[in-house]
Amino acid sequence: MLVTIELAESKLRRHHAAMQAAHNPSMELTQAYQHCLDIAQSHYENFPTASKLLAADLRPAVAAIYAFARHADDLADEGDASPATRLKQLDAWETLLERCEHDGSINHPIFMALADAIQTRGLDIEDLDNLLIAFRMDVSIHAYATLDELLFYCKHSANPVGRLMLQLHRINHAEAVFCSDKICSALQLINFWQDLSIDLPRGRCYLPESWLQEAGLSGEQLLDGSIDNAAIKPVLEQAIRETRAMLEAGAPLLAMIPFRLRLQIAATLHGGRLMLNKIARLEQPLNQRVTVGKAEWKRLILPVLKDSLFPPRSHHTTEGGQA
């Protein structure tokens, strides 16, 4: 009986809140942001979802971005829908994105929150649209011929996340964007090298075909399981070298961002370096997946603090920006 009464009271509270929201746009917007925060907090991916290192006033906007990307990613990868259906669903998601840029009253909690974030935080909708391009590529492209092709994917799948984070912090100069792109692309590549044992059985090969051919191998052989761990080691070593150089090229970003964000990016850089080291030491990279444990993260605290207090600075000038 007590349970029945509690359920009835809970239902009444939800109804009352819904009635209030219908007559109170600010409450409706608050609930939309809370919906996005709930989505962000229920997933474990490395997207910086409402991290406590972020300023509290930025967390709802980050959650709105995450909820938008999370749903699009699910459309591209989850369930049993055909590729054609997935692409149509992503097209519909893009239509809502285009609408929300100019229509904050769109009747969808994710886009209601996202529209507010776009308007109040000055977010570039092109970066959000680029994420959708990457998700379409996930549906239709499962192998890449060259590193440049793979980096084109990273340009759309990973780099927009970093750019949006910079926009939230009102940072838009070319040097910061350049470094952010390097870090984000490197993190995407690290994820690929980490997940070989998962992606290959699913028919996805992210090691560029040109690298494989230089080692006398092919993506087709890798996918059908006719390449052993010893044979793939030289290719993976090349992948790690390229990725490490990319990650280090982005490190000067630390000197260009506020301290709270610097702590988060410093932790990301050190975590990326650790992941590359662990991947390099794998005896069976085609059958094993490495992760970073809590004890390993604890050992990174001092290096992260050091780089946050004394960030490395750029010694080069990029096009459109100065060190």
Protein backbone atom coordinates (compact mmCIF):
# COMPACT_ATOMS: atom_id res chain seq x y z
CA MET A 1 0.00 0.00 0.00
CA LEU A 2 2.82 2.37 0.92
CA VAL A 3 4.53 1.66 -2.44
CA THR A 4 1.27 2.41 -4.26
CA ILE A 5 0.92 5.75 -2.46
CA GLU A 6 4.54 6.68 -3.21
CA LEU A 7 4.11 5.85 -6.90
CA ALA A 8 0.94 7.93 -7.04
CA GLU A 9 2.68 10.87 -5.36
CA SER A 10 5.64 10.58 -7.74
CA LYS A 11 3.31 10.55 -10.73
CA LEU A 12 1.49 13.60 -9.35
CA ARG A 13 4.78 15.48 -8.90
CA ARG A 14 5.82 14.71 -12.48
CA HIS A 15 2.43 15.85 -13.76
CA HIS A 16 2.68 19.05 -11.72
CA ALA A 17 6.18 19.74 -13.08
CA ALA A 18 4.99 19.13 -16.63
CA MET A 19 2.08 21.55 -16.15
CA GLN A 20 4.43 24.20 -14.75
CA ALA A 21 6.87 23.72 -17.64
CA ALA A 22 4.09 24.16 -20.16
CA HIS A 23 3.52 27.67 -18.79
CA ASN A 24 7.12 28.48 -17.91
CA PRO A 25 9.64 28.47 -20.79
CA SER A 26 12.61 28.82 -18.44
CA MET A 27 11.55 25.73 -16.52
CA GLU A 28 11.07 23.85 -19.77
CA LEU A 29 14.60 24.81 -20.80
CA THR A 30 15.95 23.72 -17.41
CA GLN A 31 14.30 20.34 -17.86
CA ALA A 32 15.75 20.06 -21.38
CA TYR A 33 19.25 20.65 -20.02
CA GLN A 34 18.62 18.14 -17.23
CA HIS A 35 17.59 15.58 -19.85
CA CYS A 36 20.96 16.12 -21.57
CA LEU A 37 22.84 15.88 -18.28
CA ASP A 38 21.10 12.59 -17.53
CA ILE A 39 22.23 11.22 -20.89
CA ALA A 40 25.79 12.42 -20.33
CA GLN A 41 26.01 10.94 -16.84
CA SER A 42 24.70 7.56 -17.96
CA HIS A 43 27.53 6.92 -20.42
CA TYR A 44 31.21 6.27 -19.85
CA GLU A 45 32.89 7.52 -23.04
CA ASN A 46 35.80 9.94 -22.90
CA PHE A 47 33.79 12.91 -24.06
CA PRO A 48 34.25 15.59 -21.34
CA THR A 49 30.70 15.25 -20.00
CA ALA A 50 30.03 17.78 -17.26
CA SER A 51 33.48 17.15 -15.79
CA LYS A 52 34.01 18.72 -12.38
CA LEU A 53 37.10 20.32 -13.87
CA LEU A 54 34.85 22.39 -16.09
CA ALA A 55 33.31 25.61 -14.81
CA ALA A 56 29.85 24.77 -13.49
CA ASP A 57 28.11 27.20 -15.83
CA LEU A 58 29.56 25.39 -18.88
CA ARG A 59 28.51 21.87 -17.92
CA PRO A 60 24.92 22.08 -19.20
CA ALA A 61 26.10 23.26 -22.63
CA VAL A 62 28.70 20.46 -22.76
CA ALA A 63 25.96 17.98 -21.86
CA ALA A 64 23.75 19.31 -24.68
CA ILE A 65 26.59 18.80 -27.17
CA TYR A 66 27.21 15.33 -25.81
CA ALA A 67 23.54 14.32 -25.93
CA PHE A 68 23.34 15.48 -29.55
CA ALA A 69 26.44 13.49 -30.51
CA ARG A 70 25.53 10.45 -28.41
CA HIS A 71 22.15 10.03 -30.13
CA ALA A 72 23.66 10.51 -33.59
CA ASP A 73 26.35 7.95 -32.78
CA ASP A 74 23.66 5.48 -31.72
CA LEU A 75 21.81 6.07 -34.99
CA ALA A 76 25.00 5.22 -36.87
CA ASP A 77 26.08 2.18 -34.86
CA GLU A 78 23.39 0.70 -32.61
CA GLY A 79 20.56 -1.68 -33.43
CA ASP A 80 19.80 -3.70 -36.54
CA ALA A 81 18.77 -0.96 -38.97
CA SER A 82 20.05 -1.14 -42.54
CA PRO A 83 22.71 1.35 -43.70
CA ALA A 84 20.10 3.14 -45.83
CA THR A 85 17.82 3.54 -42.81
CA ARG A 86 20.66 4.78 -40.63
CA LEU A 87 21.57 7.45 -43.19
CA LYS A 88 17.94 8.60 -43.41
CA GLN A 89 17.78 8.86 -39.63
CA LEU A 90 20.97 10.91 -39.59
CA ASP A 91 19.48 13.16 -42.29
CA ALA A 92 16.45 13.72 -40.06
CA TRP A 93 18.73 14.50 -37.10
CA GLU A 94 20.56 17.04 -39.27
CA THR A 95 17.25 18.67 -40.21
CA LEU A 96 16.50 19.17 -36.52
CA LEU A 97 19.97 20.67 -36.05
CA GLU A 98 19.40 23.16 -38.86
CA ARG A 99 16.03 24.10 -37.37
CA CYS A 100 17.33 24.54 -33.85
CA GLU A 101 19.85 27.18 -34.93
CA HIS A 102 16.97 29.58 -35.50
CA ASP A 103 14.14 27.96 -33.53
CA GLY A 104 14.73 27.59 -29.80
CA SER A 105 11.18 26.38 -29.26
CA ILE A 106 11.68 23.15 -31.21
CA ASN A 107 9.79 20.41 -29.38
CA HIS A 108 12.72 18.16 -28.54
CA PRO A 109 14.68 18.42 -25.26
CA ILE A 110 18.11 17.87 -26.83
CA PHE A 111 17.58 20.50 -29.50
CA MET A 112 15.89 22.90 -27.10
CA ALA A 113 19.01 22.79 -24.92
CA LEU A 114 21.36 22.82 -27.90
CA ALA A 115 19.62 25.83 -29.44
CA ASP A 116 20.10 27.75 -26.21
CA ALA A 117 23.77 26.71 -26.04
CA ILE A 118 24.33 27.80 -29.66
CA GLN A 119 22.77 31.20 -29.03
CA THR A 120 24.19 31.97 -25.59
CA ARG A 121 27.65 30.44 -26.06
CA GLY A 122 28.27 31.36 -29.69
CA LEU A 123 28.78 27.78 -30.85
CA ASP A 124 29.55 27.19 -34.53
CA ILE A 125 26.85 24.94 -35.96
CA GLU A 126 29.30 23.80 -38.65
CA ASP A 127 31.24 21.87 -36.01
CA LEU A 128 28.06 20.08 -34.94
CA ASP A 129 27.25 19.34 -38.57
CA ASN A 130 30.77 17.94 -39.08
CA LEU A 131 30.07 15.37 -36.39
CA LEU A 132 27.14 14.14 -38.47
CA ILE A 133 29.42 13.82 -41.50
CA ALA A 134 31.66 11.51 -39.44
CA PHE A 135 28.69 9.42 -38.32
CA ARG A 136 27.63 9.01 -41.95
CA MET A 137 31.17 7.85 -42.71
CA ASP A 138 30.85 5.29 -39.90
CA VAL A 139 27.87 3.83 -41.73
CA SER A 140 29.43 3.61 -45.18
CA ILE A 141 33.25 3.54 -44.84
CA HIS A 142 35.04 0.80 -42.91
CA ALA A 143 38.60 1.10 -44.25
CA TYR A 144 40.98 3.90 -45.29
CA ALA A 145 43.64 3.93 -47.99
CA THR A 146 45.99 6.52 -46.49
CA LEU A 147 46.69 8.43 -43.30
CA ASP A 148 45.34 11.59 -44.95
CA GLU A 149 42.01 9.85 -45.52
CA LEU A 150 41.94 8.74 -41.91
CA LEU A 151 42.74 12.26 -40.73
CA PHE A 152 39.86 13.55 -42.86
CA TYR A 153 37.63 11.31 -40.76
CA CYS A 154 39.25 12.65 -37.56
CA LYS A 155 38.66 16.19 -38.81
CA HIS A 156 34.95 15.48 -38.61
CA SER A 157 34.70 12.93 -35.79
CA ALA A 158 37.08 14.34 -33.18
CA ASN A 159 38.31 17.84 -33.99
CA PRO A 160 34.86 19.47 -33.71
CA VAL A 161 34.66 18.38 -30.06
CA GLY A 162 37.85 20.27 -29.20
CA ARG A 163 36.80 23.30 -31.21
CA LEU A 164 33.44 23.43 -29.45
CA MET A 165 35.19 23.26 -26.09
CA LEU A 166 37.39 26.19 -27.09
CA GLN A 167 34.31 28.15 -28.21
CA LEU A 168 32.68 27.54 -24.84
CA HIS A 169 35.74 29.17 -23.26
CA ARG A 170 35.71 32.05 -25.80
CA ILE A 171 39.04 30.92 -27.31
CA ASN A 172 39.18 31.21 -31.08
CA HIS A 173 42.69 32.12 -32.20
CA ALA A 174 44.35 29.99 -34.87
CA GLU A 175 47.21 28.60 -32.77
CA ALA A 176 44.83 27.19 -30.14
CA VAL A 177 42.59 25.66 -32.80
CA PHE A 178 45.62 24.10 -34.52
CA CYS A 179 46.84 22.50 -31.28
CA SER A 180 43.36 21.36 -30.32
CA ASP A 181 42.92 19.66 -33.70
CA LYS A 182 46.23 17.83 -33.25
CA ILE A 183 45.25 16.54 -29.81
CA CYS A 184 41.76 15.49 -30.86
CA SER A 185 42.95 13.69 -33.99
CA ALA A 186 45.63 11.89 -31.96
CA LEU A 187 43.05 10.79 -29.39
CA GLN A 188 40.85 9.41 -32.15
CA LEU A 189 43.78 7.45 -33.57
CA ILE A 190 44.69 6.14 -30.12
CA ASN A 191 41.15 4.87 -29.82
CA PHE A 192 41.52 3.04 -33.14
CA TRP A 193 44.83 1.41 -32.16
CA GLN A 194 43.38 0.49 -28.78
CA ASP A 195 40.33 -1.15 -30.36
CA LEU A 196 41.89 -3.33 -33.07
CA SER A 197 40.63 -6.46 -31.31
CA ILE A 198 37.08 -5.04 -31.37
CA ASP A 199 36.94 -3.33 -34.76
CA LEU A 200 38.53 -6.03 -36.92
CA PRO A 201 35.95 -8.72 -36.02
CA ARG A 202 33.27 -6.14 -36.88
CA GLY A 203 34.75 -5.68 -40.37
CA ARG A 204 36.46 -2.36 -39.69
CA CYS A 205 40.14 -1.75 -40.43
CA TYR A 206 41.52 1.66 -39.50
CA LEU A 207 45.19 0.95 -40.17
CA PRO A 208 45.77 2.70 -43.52
CA GLU A 209 46.12 0.36 -46.48
CA SER A 210 49.27 2.18 -47.60
CA TRP A 211 50.98 1.32 -44.30
CA LEU A 212 49.92 -2.30 -44.58
CA GLN A 213 51.20 -2.57 -48.16
CA GLU A 214 54.60 -1.18 -47.15
CA ALA A 215 54.85 -4.15 -44.76
CA GLY A 216 53.73 -6.59 -47.47
CA LEU A 217 50.26 -6.92 -45.95
CA SER A 218 46.71 -5.90 -46.84
CA GLY A 219 43.57 -4.86 -45.06
CA GLU A 220 41.77 -7.84 -46.52
CA GLN A 221 44.26 -10.20 -44.88
CA LEU A 222 43.90 -8.37 -41.59
CA LEU A 223 40.12 -8.64 -41.69
CA ASP A 224 40.06 -12.34 -42.56
CA GLY A 225 42.47 -13.15 -39.73
CA SER A 226 45.37 -14.38 -41.86
CA ILE A 227 47.88 -11.92 -40.33
CA ASP A 228 49.45 -12.76 -36.99
CA ASN A 229 50.48 -10.41 -34.18
CA ALA A 230 54.18 -10.49 -35.08
CA ALA A 231 53.51 -9.41 -38.66
CA ILE A 232 51.38 -6.43 -37.64
CA LYS A 233 53.90 -5.07 -35.12
CA PRO A 234 55.89 -2.90 -37.62
CA VAL A 235 52.66 -1.29 -38.86
CA LEU A 236 51.47 -0.63 -35.34
CA GLU A 237 54.86 0.86 -34.44
CA GLN A 238 54.45 3.31 -37.32
CA ALA A 239 50.94 4.13 -36.15
CA ILE A 240 52.23 4.86 -32.64
CA ARG A 241 55.06 7.09 -33.94
CA GLU A 242 52.72 9.15 -36.10
CA THR A 243 50.15 9.46 -33.32
CA ARG A 244 52.71 10.39 -30.66
CA ALA A 245 54.10 13.18 -32.86
CA MET A 246 50.58 14.49 -33.40
CA LEU A 247 49.79 14.44 -29.70
CA GLU A 248 52.98 16.33 -28.82
CA ALA A 249 52.31 18.91 -31.53
CA GLY A 250 49.14 19.81 -29.65
CA ALA A 251 50.75 20.08 -26.18
CA PRO A 252 51.38 23.87 -26.41
CA LEU A 253 47.60 24.30 -26.13
CA LEU A 254 48.10 24.06 -22.36
CA ALA A 255 49.62 27.55 -22.28
CA MET A 256 46.64 29.06 -24.10
CA ILE A 257 43.72 27.92 -21.95
CA PRO A 258 42.38 28.68 -18.45
CA PHE A 259 43.62 26.63 -15.52
CA ARG A 260 40.58 24.39 -14.99
CA LEU A 261 40.49 23.40 -18.65
CA ARG A 262 44.30 23.09 -18.61
CA LEU A 263 44.06 20.46 -15.86
CA GLN A 264 41.66 18.44 -17.98
CA ILE A 265 43.72 18.70 -21.16
CA ALA A 266 46.95 17.92 -19.29
CA ALA A 267 45.30 14.77 -17.92
CA THR A 268 44.15 13.92 -21.44
CA LEU A 269 47.67 14.33 -22.84
CA HIS A 270 49.28 12.21 -20.14
CA GLY A 271 46.56 9.60 -20.50
CA GLY A 272 47.15 9.51 -24.25
CA ARG A 273 50.90 9.06 -23.79
CA LEU A 274 50.31 6.26 -21.33
CA MET A 275 47.90 4.53 -23.71
CA LEU A 276 50.43 4.69 -26.55
CA ASN A 277 53.11 3.19 -24.31
CA LYS A 278 50.81 0.37 -23.25
CA ILE A 279 49.73 -0.36 -26.83
CA ALA A 280 53.39 -0.47 -27.89
CA ARG A 281 54.09 -3.11 -25.23
CA LEU A 282 51.23 -5.41 -26.20
CA GLU A 283 52.35 -8.87 -27.24
CA GLN A 284 49.08 -9.59 -29.03
CA PRO A 285 47.67 -6.25 -30.25
CA LEU A 286 45.17 -8.02 -32.50
CA ASN A 287 43.71 -9.89 -29.54
CA GLN A 288 44.19 -7.58 -26.57
CA ARG A 289 42.73 -4.22 -25.56
CA VAL A 290 44.53 -1.98 -23.08
CA THR A 291 42.93 0.46 -20.64
CA VAL A 292 44.19 2.85 -17.97
CA GLY A 293 43.37 1.77 -14.41
CA LYS A 294 42.69 3.94 -11.35
CA ALA A 295 46.13 3.30 -9.87
CA GLU A 296 47.75 4.42 -13.14
CA TRP A 297 45.67 7.60 -13.20
CA LYS A 298 46.75 8.34 -9.62
CA ARG A 299 50.39 8.13 -10.67
CA LEU A 300 49.69 10.79 -13.29
CA ILE A 301 48.46 13.37 -10.77
CA LEU A 302 51.85 14.98 -10.17
CA PRO A 303 52.85 15.17 -13.87
CA VAL A 304 49.43 16.61 -14.68
CA LEU A 305 49.77 19.26 -11.97
CA LYS A 306 53.28 20.13 -13.15
CA ASP A 307 52.15 20.66 -16.75
CA SER A 308 49.14 22.63 -15.54
CA LEU A 309 51.24 24.96 -13.40
CA PHE A 310 54.14 25.22 -15.88
CA PRO A 311 52.63 24.53 -19.31
CA PRO A 312 54.91 23.94 -22.31
CA ARG A 313 54.85 26.70 -24.88
CA SER A 314 54.89 26.63 -28.65
CA HIS A 315 58.15 27.30 -30.47
CA HIS A 316 56.62 27.49 -33.92
CA THR A 317 54.19 29.66 -35.81
CA THR A 318 51.21 28.16 -37.60
CA GLU A 319 49.43 29.70 -40.53
CA GLY A 320 47.18 32.45 -39.24
CA GLY A 321 48.54 32.35 -35.68
CA GLN A 322 51.65 33.07 -33.68
CA ALA A 323 53.33 31.22 -30.83
